[in-house]
Amino acid sequence: MVVAAALLLGACGGLGGKGPQPGFTAPPPPGTAISVAPQPASAGAIFQSANGYSGLVTGTRARALGDMVTIILTEATATSKSTTGKTAREGSLGITPPTKGPLDFLDPEALKAAAEASFTGGGNAAQQSRLNGAVAVTIAAIYPNGTAEVVGEKQMMFSQGDEWVQFAGRIRLVDIDGDNRLASSQVANARIIYSGKGAVQQASRPGWLSRFFNAISPF
């Protein structure tokens, strides 16, 4: 049974981290995306806009399909929760036997009963997370209301493991600054995955036998 549990945890990635999700895309938004086909270059002109050059007035700000935008990751969350509970209950019962008759031998003190119950509980939970950095994404779809879908990922391979960042979401083109940068806090429907696998991630997790007994432990 222990060997079977080890094989099952190994098959589920228990001995290492999960890799990047294949086919990572932005969540499907409402509306219809604009599909812009490249315009054929006109012969005879010196300036060819189809070659990727920016216009004289529009500048180099990202605005078309395939343009790159740098997302500045500024994610920070802090949550805390505290609960307390207390209950108490008391009850008593007493019977007075008759002073005359066949039941006059009963002791009134022996016919009394009392019950008492109380409960006190409390719990506290707190969590903080922070993610800073930058990841370059590309515009995958543009919508008539001036918004666009962006998708991108970054993978890094180190000597002790791999790390990756995957990002997708919906942005407003007017929020892009002159350096083609945008804060992640301005992205709607943002989907951020930051994870890794390797020796460092494996060392920070309990062993497969500990996870197995924790899973079946009733306590």
Protein backbone atom coordinates (compact mmCIF):
# COMPACT_ATOMS: atom_id res chain seq x y z
CA MET A 1 0.00 0.00 0.00
CA VAL A 2 2.86 2.36 0.81
CA VAL A 3 4.55 1.63 -2.52
CA ALA A 4 1.28 2.24 -4.36
CA ALA A 5 0.85 5.54 -2.57
CA ALA A 6 4.37 6.59 -3.55
CA LEU A 7 3.73 5.77 -7.20
CA LEU A 8 0.44 7.67 -7.14
CA LEU A 9 2.00 10.77 -5.61
CA GLY A 10 4.86 10.61 -8.07
CA ALA A 11 2.45 10.37 -11.00
CA CYS A 12 0.55 13.40 -9.72
CA GLY A 13 3.73 15.48 -9.50
CA GLY A 14 4.16 15.05 -5.76
CA LEU A 15 7.96 14.67 -6.06
CA GLY A 16 8.34 17.90 -8.01
CA GLY A 17 6.50 21.04 -9.12
CA LYS A 18 4.09 21.36 -11.98
CA GLY A 19 5.43 22.74 -15.22
CA PRO A 20 4.05 25.66 -17.21
CA GLN A 21 0.49 25.17 -18.32
CA PRO A 22 0.40 24.38 -22.04
CA GLY A 23 -1.88 26.48 -24.17
CA PHE A 24 -2.05 29.26 -21.59
CA THR A 25 -4.45 31.90 -22.90
CA ALA A 26 -6.48 34.76 -21.51
CA PRO A 27 -10.01 34.01 -20.28
CA PRO A 28 -12.58 34.50 -23.03
CA PRO A 29 -13.96 38.05 -22.69
CA PRO A 30 -17.32 39.33 -23.97
CA GLY A 31 -17.46 41.02 -27.33
CA THR A 32 -15.96 40.30 -30.68
CA ALA A 33 -12.29 40.81 -31.33
CA ILE A 34 -11.11 42.78 -34.30
CA SER A 35 -9.03 40.75 -36.71
CA VAL A 36 -6.74 43.10 -38.56
CA ALA A 37 -5.10 41.62 -41.62
CA PRO A 38 -1.80 43.16 -42.74
CA GLN A 39 -2.21 45.66 -45.53
CA PRO A 40 -0.29 44.91 -48.72
CA ALA A 41 2.53 47.30 -49.43
CA SER A 42 2.01 49.70 -52.29
CA ALA A 43 4.76 49.65 -54.88
CA GLY A 44 6.62 52.80 -55.74
CA ALA A 45 6.49 54.59 -52.36
CA ILE A 46 9.57 55.26 -50.27
CA PHE A 47 7.79 54.80 -46.94
CA GLN A 48 6.21 51.37 -46.52
CA SER A 49 3.96 51.20 -43.43
CA ALA A 50 3.56 47.43 -43.79
CA ASN A 51 7.23 46.94 -42.89
CA GLY A 52 6.57 47.63 -39.23
CA TYR A 53 7.58 51.28 -39.02
CA SER A 54 5.55 53.58 -36.80
CA GLY A 55 3.71 56.58 -38.11
CA LEU A 56 5.01 60.11 -37.77
CA VAL A 57 2.19 61.12 -35.40
CA THR A 58 1.16 57.96 -33.58
CA GLY A 59 4.60 57.13 -32.19
CA THR A 60 5.77 53.75 -30.98
CA ARG A 61 3.09 53.08 -28.36
CA ALA A 62 1.67 49.54 -28.57
CA ARG A 63 -1.73 49.57 -30.24
CA ALA A 64 -1.83 46.77 -32.85
CA LEU A 65 -2.02 43.00 -32.84
CA GLY A 66 1.32 41.47 -31.96
CA ASP A 67 2.72 44.60 -30.30
CA MET A 68 4.55 44.01 -27.04
CA VAL A 69 3.64 45.51 -23.67
CA THR A 70 5.69 45.24 -20.48
CA ILE A 71 3.53 44.34 -17.48
CA ILE A 72 4.96 45.58 -14.19
CA LEU A 73 3.94 43.06 -11.53
CA THR A 74 2.90 44.94 -8.39
CA GLU A 75 0.75 42.34 -6.68
CA ALA A 76 0.45 42.51 -2.90
CA THR A 77 -2.30 41.00 -0.76
CA ALA A 78 -2.77 40.72 2.99
CA THR A 79 -5.66 38.95 4.67
CA SER A 80 -6.47 38.22 8.27
CA LYS A 81 -9.37 36.58 10.03
CA SER A 82 -10.23 36.01 13.68
CA THR A 83 -13.19 34.16 15.14
CA THR A 84 -14.28 33.41 18.70
CA GLY A 85 -17.20 31.43 20.05
CA LYS A 86 -18.54 30.70 23.49
CA THR A 87 -21.68 28.87 24.59
CA ALA A 88 -23.04 27.84 27.98
CA ARG A 89 -26.10 25.88 29.07
CA GLU A 90 -27.46 24.81 32.43
CA GLY A 91 -30.47 22.74 33.46
CA SER A 92 -31.93 21.22 36.63
CA LEU A 93 -34.77 18.90 37.54
CA GLY A 94 -36.35 18.11 40.90
CA ILE A 95 -39.30 15.99 42.11
CA THR A 96 -40.94 16.31 45.53
CA PRO A 97 -42.40 12.95 46.69
CA PRO A 98 -45.60 12.85 48.76
CA THR A 99 -45.20 12.94 52.54
CA LYS A 100 -47.81 10.24 53.04
CA GLY A 101 -48.58 7.03 51.20
CA PRO A 102 -46.53 4.23 49.68
CA LEU A 103 -43.96 6.71 48.22
CA ASP A 104 -43.22 8.61 51.41
CA PHE A 105 -39.94 6.72 51.78
CA LEU A 106 -38.39 8.51 48.77
CA ASP A 107 -35.68 11.05 49.53
CA PRO A 108 -36.32 14.43 47.81
CA GLU A 109 -32.59 15.04 47.46
CA ALA A 110 -32.16 11.80 45.52
CA LEU A 111 -34.78 12.89 42.94
CA LYS A 112 -32.90 15.97 41.85
CA ALA A 113 -30.80 16.15 38.67
CA ALA A 114 -28.71 18.92 37.12
CA ALA A 115 -26.73 19.30 33.89
CA GLU A 116 -24.25 21.89 32.70
CA ALA A 117 -22.36 22.28 29.42
CA SER A 118 -20.04 24.93 28.07
CA PHE A 119 -17.91 25.49 24.96
CA THR A 120 -15.20 28.01 24.20
CA GLY A 121 -13.34 28.19 20.90
CA GLY A 122 -11.24 30.58 18.87
CA GLY A 123 -9.26 30.76 15.68
CA ASN A 124 -6.89 33.11 13.88
CA ALA A 125 -5.60 33.07 10.30
CA ALA A 126 -3.35 35.48 8.42
CA GLN A 127 -1.74 35.41 4.99
CA GLN A 128 0.48 37.79 3.06
CA SER A 129 1.76 37.49 -0.50
CA ARG A 130 3.80 39.77 -2.73
CA LEU A 131 4.91 39.50 -6.35
CA ASN A 132 7.20 42.05 -7.97
CA GLY A 133 8.87 41.98 -11.34
CA ALA A 134 8.11 42.46 -15.01
CA VAL A 135 6.97 40.25 -17.86
CA ALA A 136 6.59 41.12 -21.53
CA VAL A 137 3.31 40.18 -23.21
CA THR A 138 1.86 40.59 -26.68
CA ILE A 139 -1.50 41.93 -27.78
CA ALA A 140 -3.58 38.96 -28.90
CA ALA A 141 -6.93 40.69 -29.65
CA ILE A 142 -8.28 44.22 -29.92
CA TYR A 143 -11.88 45.29 -29.24
CA PRO A 144 -13.91 48.26 -30.51
CA ASN A 145 -14.13 49.85 -27.05
CA GLY A 146 -10.37 50.37 -26.87
CA THR A 147 -9.49 47.31 -24.79
CA ALA A 148 -7.22 44.43 -25.74
CA GLU A 149 -6.27 40.95 -24.61
CA VAL A 150 -2.62 40.32 -23.76
CA VAL A 151 -0.85 37.00 -23.23
CA GLY A 152 2.76 36.24 -22.37
CA GLU A 153 5.08 34.11 -20.33
CA LYS A 154 8.67 34.02 -19.11
CA GLN A 155 10.62 30.86 -18.36
CA MET A 156 13.96 30.77 -16.53
CA MET A 157 16.21 27.77 -16.07
CA PHE A 158 18.61 27.75 -13.15
CA SER A 159 21.13 25.23 -11.87
CA GLN A 160 18.78 24.14 -9.04
CA GLY A 161 15.45 24.24 -10.86
CA ASP A 162 13.18 26.10 -13.23
CA GLU A 163 10.88 29.06 -12.67
CA TRP A 164 8.25 30.62 -14.88
CA VAL A 165 5.72 33.44 -14.97
CA GLN A 166 2.58 33.28 -17.10
CA PHE A 167 0.33 36.29 -17.52
CA ALA A 168 -2.92 36.97 -19.34
CA GLY A 169 -5.65 39.58 -19.02
CA ARG A 170 -7.50 42.51 -20.54
CA ILE A 171 -6.07 46.02 -20.67
CA ARG A 172 -7.03 49.48 -21.87
CA LEU A 173 -4.82 50.75 -24.65
CA VAL A 174 -4.95 54.30 -23.26
CA ASP A 175 -3.36 53.09 -19.99
CA ILE A 176 -0.12 52.13 -21.77
CA ASP A 177 2.57 54.74 -21.11
CA GLY A 178 5.19 56.04 -23.51
CA ASP A 179 7.58 53.19 -22.66
CA ASN A 180 4.89 50.58 -23.38
CA ARG A 181 4.57 49.67 -19.71
CA LEU A 182 1.48 48.93 -17.66
CA ALA A 183 0.96 48.01 -14.01
CA SER A 184 -0.66 44.66 -13.32
CA SER A 185 -3.16 46.40 -11.03
CA GLN A 186 -4.70 48.00 -14.14
CA VAL A 187 -5.38 44.66 -15.84
CA ALA A 188 -8.88 43.21 -15.76
CA ASN A 189 -9.51 39.46 -15.58
CA ALA A 190 -5.82 39.06 -14.79
CA ARG A 191 -4.50 35.53 -14.61
CA ILE A 192 -1.02 35.24 -13.12
CA ILE A 193 0.84 31.99 -12.54
CA TYR A 194 4.23 32.04 -10.83
CA SER A 195 5.70 28.70 -9.94
CA GLY A 196 8.73 26.51 -10.29
CA LYS A 197 10.12 23.03 -9.98
CA GLY A 198 13.41 21.54 -8.96
CA ALA A 199 15.52 20.82 -5.92
CA VAL A 200 14.59 24.01 -4.04
CA GLN A 201 10.84 23.51 -4.44
CA GLN A 202 11.12 19.82 -3.58
CA ALA A 203 13.07 20.55 -0.39
CA SER A 204 10.40 23.00 0.78
CA ARG A 205 7.67 20.33 0.68
CA PRO A 206 7.15 17.38 3.04
CA GLY A 207 8.08 13.93 1.84
CA TRP A 208 5.63 11.62 0.10
CA LEU A 209 5.28 9.38 3.15
CA SER A 210 4.39 12.35 5.38
CA ARG A 211 1.81 13.56 2.87
CA PHE A 212 0.36 10.06 2.64
CA PHE A 213 -0.16 9.70 6.38
CA ASN A 214 -1.47 13.28 6.63
CA ALA A 215 -4.05 12.45 3.96
CA ILE A 216 -5.41 9.37 5.80
CA SER A 217 -5.00 10.67 9.34
CA PRO A 218 -8.39 11.25 11.02
CA PHE A 219 -6.91 13.79 13.46
